[in-house]
Amino acid sequence: MTPTQDPSHFCPGCSARFCQCSTADGYDDHLDASYADGYDACVVDGFENRPTRFPPALWRGVDVAAWLGGFDDAGAGLPCAVRSPERYTAVLQALGAGGDTPSR
């Protein structure tokens, strides 16, 4: 068993103090994959089809928060943070500064 970074923190993957989940790097990859899957689902299905109920069997192996983040970003017209992190950051900075969204 691998302890989480701080023994007082619970594993975000299985909610246990000590678990057999992947390493932090593996978990980051898992979050990125979940985000990208949500982003792609929105592009294919459209934001109007955003799920409101989450059957547990559907979400096994998926980080729901990351998936919804990707879905919502795609629905808002933002670039994919996983595939274009520089562009995503630039767009967020432009929106935060009240400027126009960069085209590239």
C-alpha atoms as a PDB file:
ATOM      1  CA  MET A   1       0.000   0.000   0.000  1.00  0.00           C
ATOM      2  CA  THR A   2       1.142   3.491  -0.823  1.00  0.00           C
ATOM      3  CA  PRO A   3       0.385   6.298   1.626  1.00  0.00           C
ATOM      4  CA  THR A   4      -1.021   9.490   0.201  1.00  0.00           C
ATOM      5  CA  GLN A   5       1.215  12.583   0.330  1.00  0.00           C
ATOM      6  CA  ASP A   6       0.042  13.553   3.814  1.00  0.00           C
ATOM      7  CA  PRO A   7      -1.324  10.834   6.137  1.00  0.00           C
ATOM      8  CA  SER A   8      -4.177  13.142   7.132  1.00  0.00           C
ATOM      9  CA  HIS A   9      -5.358  13.416   3.517  1.00  0.00           C
ATOM     10  CA  PHE A  10      -7.554  10.861   1.864  1.00  0.00           C
ATOM     11  CA  CYS A  11      -6.798   9.489  -1.580  1.00  0.00           C
ATOM     12  CA  PRO A  12      -8.880  11.302  -4.207  1.00  0.00           C
ATOM     13  CA  GLY A  13      -9.128   8.071  -6.177  1.00  0.00           C
ATOM     14  CA  CYS A  14     -10.621   5.753  -3.569  1.00  0.00           C
ATOM     15  CA  SER A  15     -11.184   7.954  -0.481  1.00  0.00           C
ATOM     16  CA  ALA A  16      -8.929   5.829   1.717  1.00  0.00           C
ATOM     17  CA  ARG A  17      -5.968   6.966   3.779  1.00  0.00           C
ATOM     18  CA  PHE A  18      -3.804   4.180   2.447  1.00  0.00           C
ATOM     19  CA  CYS A  19      -4.595   2.786  -0.944  1.00  0.00           C
ATOM     20  CA  GLN A  20      -3.320   0.988  -3.978  1.00  0.00           C
ATOM     21  CA  CYS A  21      -4.169   3.743  -6.435  1.00  0.00           C
ATOM     22  CA  SER A  22      -1.598   4.959  -8.893  1.00  0.00           C
ATOM     23  CA  THR A  23       1.100   7.416  -8.011  1.00  0.00           C
ATOM     24  CA  ALA A  24       0.503  11.159  -8.110  1.00  0.00           C
ATOM     25  CA  ASP A  25       1.769  11.249 -11.708  1.00  0.00           C
ATOM     26  CA  GLY A  26      -0.583   8.438 -12.641  1.00  0.00           C
ATOM     27  CA  TYR A  27      -3.453  10.256 -10.986  1.00  0.00           C
ATOM     28  CA  ASP A  28      -2.639  13.436 -12.924  1.00  0.00           C
ATOM     29  CA  ASP A  29      -2.797  11.394 -16.131  1.00  0.00           C
ATOM     30  CA  HIS A  30      -6.148  10.016 -14.973  1.00  0.00           C
ATOM     31  CA  LEU A  31      -7.472  13.552 -14.378  1.00  0.00           C
ATOM     32  CA  ASP A  32      -6.212  14.690 -17.794  1.00  0.00           C
ATOM     33  CA  ALA A  33      -7.847  11.719 -19.515  1.00  0.00           C
ATOM     34  CA  SER A  34     -11.141  12.323 -17.698  1.00  0.00           C
ATOM     35  CA  TYR A  35     -11.062  16.024 -18.622  1.00  0.00           C
ATOM     36  CA  ALA A  36     -10.334  15.240 -22.287  1.00  0.00           C
ATOM     37  CA  ASP A  37     -13.149  12.652 -22.373  1.00  0.00           C
ATOM     38  CA  GLY A  38     -15.603  15.215 -20.995  1.00  0.00           C
ATOM     39  CA  TYR A  39     -14.393  17.838 -23.463  1.00  0.00           C
ATOM     40  CA  ASP A  40     -14.843  15.426 -26.374  1.00  0.00           C
ATOM     41  CA  ALA A  41     -18.293  14.363 -25.127  1.00  0.00           C
ATOM     42  CA  CYS A  42     -19.474  17.971 -25.181  1.00  0.00           C
ATOM     43  CA  VAL A  43     -18.069  18.546 -28.660  1.00  0.00           C
ATOM     44  CA  VAL A  44     -19.882  15.454 -29.945  1.00  0.00           C
ATOM     45  CA  ASP A  45     -23.133  15.625 -27.949  1.00  0.00           C
ATOM     46  CA  GLY A  46     -23.516  19.379 -27.416  1.00  0.00           C
ATOM     47  CA  PHE A  47     -23.713  21.257 -24.135  1.00  0.00           C
ATOM     48  CA  GLU A  48     -27.490  20.859 -23.997  1.00  0.00           C
ATOM     49  CA  ASN A  49     -26.896  17.148 -23.312  1.00  0.00           C
ATOM     50  CA  ARG A  50     -24.851  17.747 -20.144  1.00  0.00           C
ATOM     51  CA  PRO A  51     -25.600  14.884 -17.749  1.00  0.00           C
ATOM     52  CA  THR A  52     -27.463  15.761 -14.558  1.00  0.00           C
ATOM     53  CA  ARG A  53     -27.524  12.328 -12.972  1.00  0.00           C
ATOM     54  CA  PHE A  54     -24.479  10.153 -12.675  1.00  0.00           C
ATOM     55  CA  PRO A  55     -25.102   6.395 -12.477  1.00  0.00           C
ATOM     56  CA  PRO A  56     -22.132   4.856 -10.628  1.00  0.00           C
ATOM     57  CA  ALA A  57     -21.529   2.211 -13.299  1.00  0.00           C
ATOM     58  CA  LEU A  58     -21.120   4.926 -15.933  1.00  0.00           C
ATOM     59  CA  TRP A  59     -18.442   6.731 -13.945  1.00  0.00           C
ATOM     60  CA  ARG A  60     -16.222   3.846 -12.845  1.00  0.00           C
ATOM     61  CA  GLY A  61     -12.664   4.753 -13.757  1.00  0.00           C
ATOM     62  CA  VAL A  62     -13.564   8.390 -14.530  1.00  0.00           C
ATOM     63  CA  ASP A  63     -12.969  11.414 -12.327  1.00  0.00           C
ATOM     64  CA  VAL A  64     -16.407  13.034 -12.481  1.00  0.00           C
ATOM     65  CA  ALA A  65     -15.221  16.526 -11.494  1.00  0.00           C
ATOM     66  CA  ALA A  66     -12.505  16.537 -14.172  1.00  0.00           C
ATOM     67  CA  TRP A  67     -14.919  15.113 -16.772  1.00  0.00           C
ATOM     68  CA  LEU A  68     -17.485  17.817 -16.012  1.00  0.00           C
ATOM     69  CA  GLY A  69     -14.748  20.467 -16.096  1.00  0.00           C
ATOM     70  CA  GLY A  70     -13.811  19.384 -19.607  1.00  0.00           C
ATOM     71  CA  PHE A  71     -17.454  19.255 -20.649  1.00  0.00           C
ATOM     72  CA  ASP A  72     -18.128  22.736 -19.274  1.00  0.00           C
ATOM     73  CA  ASP A  73     -14.976  24.209 -20.838  1.00  0.00           C
ATOM     74  CA  ALA A  74     -15.986  22.878 -24.249  1.00  0.00           C
ATOM     75  CA  GLY A  75     -19.504  24.203 -23.736  1.00  0.00           C
ATOM     76  CA  ALA A  76     -18.077  27.636 -22.907  1.00  0.00           C
ATOM     77  CA  GLY A  77     -16.023  27.593 -26.109  1.00  0.00           C
ATOM     78  CA  LEU A  78     -12.657  27.397 -24.346  1.00  0.00           C
ATOM     79  CA  PRO A  79      -9.760  25.480 -25.882  1.00  0.00           C
ATOM     80  CA  CYS A  80      -8.963  22.107 -24.343  1.00  0.00           C
ATOM     81  CA  ALA A  81      -6.684  22.629 -21.340  1.00  0.00           C
ATOM     82  CA  VAL A  82      -5.088  19.198 -21.842  1.00  0.00           C
ATOM     83  CA  ARG A  83      -4.345  19.455 -25.553  1.00  0.00           C
ATOM     84  CA  SER A  84      -3.613  23.209 -25.758  1.00  0.00           C
ATOM     85  CA  PRO A  85      -2.528  24.372 -22.304  1.00  0.00           C
ATOM     86  CA  GLU A  86      -0.805  27.528 -23.584  1.00  0.00           C
ATOM     87  CA  ARG A  87      -3.835  28.602 -25.601  1.00  0.00           C
ATOM     88  CA  TYR A  88      -6.166  27.764 -22.702  1.00  0.00           C
ATOM     89  CA  THR A  89      -4.108  29.943 -20.350  1.00  0.00           C
ATOM     90  CA  ALA A  90      -3.965  32.776 -22.873  1.00  0.00           C
ATOM     91  CA  VAL A  91      -7.735  32.724 -23.330  1.00  0.00           C
ATOM     92  CA  LEU A  92      -8.346  32.720 -19.577  1.00  0.00           C
ATOM     93  CA  GLN A  93      -5.943  35.617 -19.111  1.00  0.00           C
ATOM     94  CA  ALA A  94      -7.634  37.572 -21.900  1.00  0.00           C
ATOM     95  CA  LEU A  95     -11.060  36.933 -20.432  1.00  0.00           C
ATOM     96  CA  GLY A  96      -9.869  37.887 -16.956  1.00  0.00           C
ATOM     97  CA  ALA A  97      -8.370  41.111 -18.241  1.00  0.00           C
ATOM     98  CA  GLY A  98     -11.540  41.958 -20.153  1.00  0.00           C
ATOM     99  CA  GLY A  99      -9.690  41.751 -23.458  1.00  0.00           C
ATOM    100  CA  ASP A 100     -10.655  40.003 -26.635  1.00  0.00           C
ATOM    101  CA  THR A 101     -10.116  36.269 -26.913  1.00  0.00           C
ATOM    102  CA  PRO A 102      -6.945  35.569 -28.933  1.00  0.00           C
ATOM    103  CA  SER A 103      -7.596  33.723 -32.183  1.00  0.00           C
ATOM    104  CA  ARG A 104      -4.430  31.617 -31.833  1.00  0.00           C
END
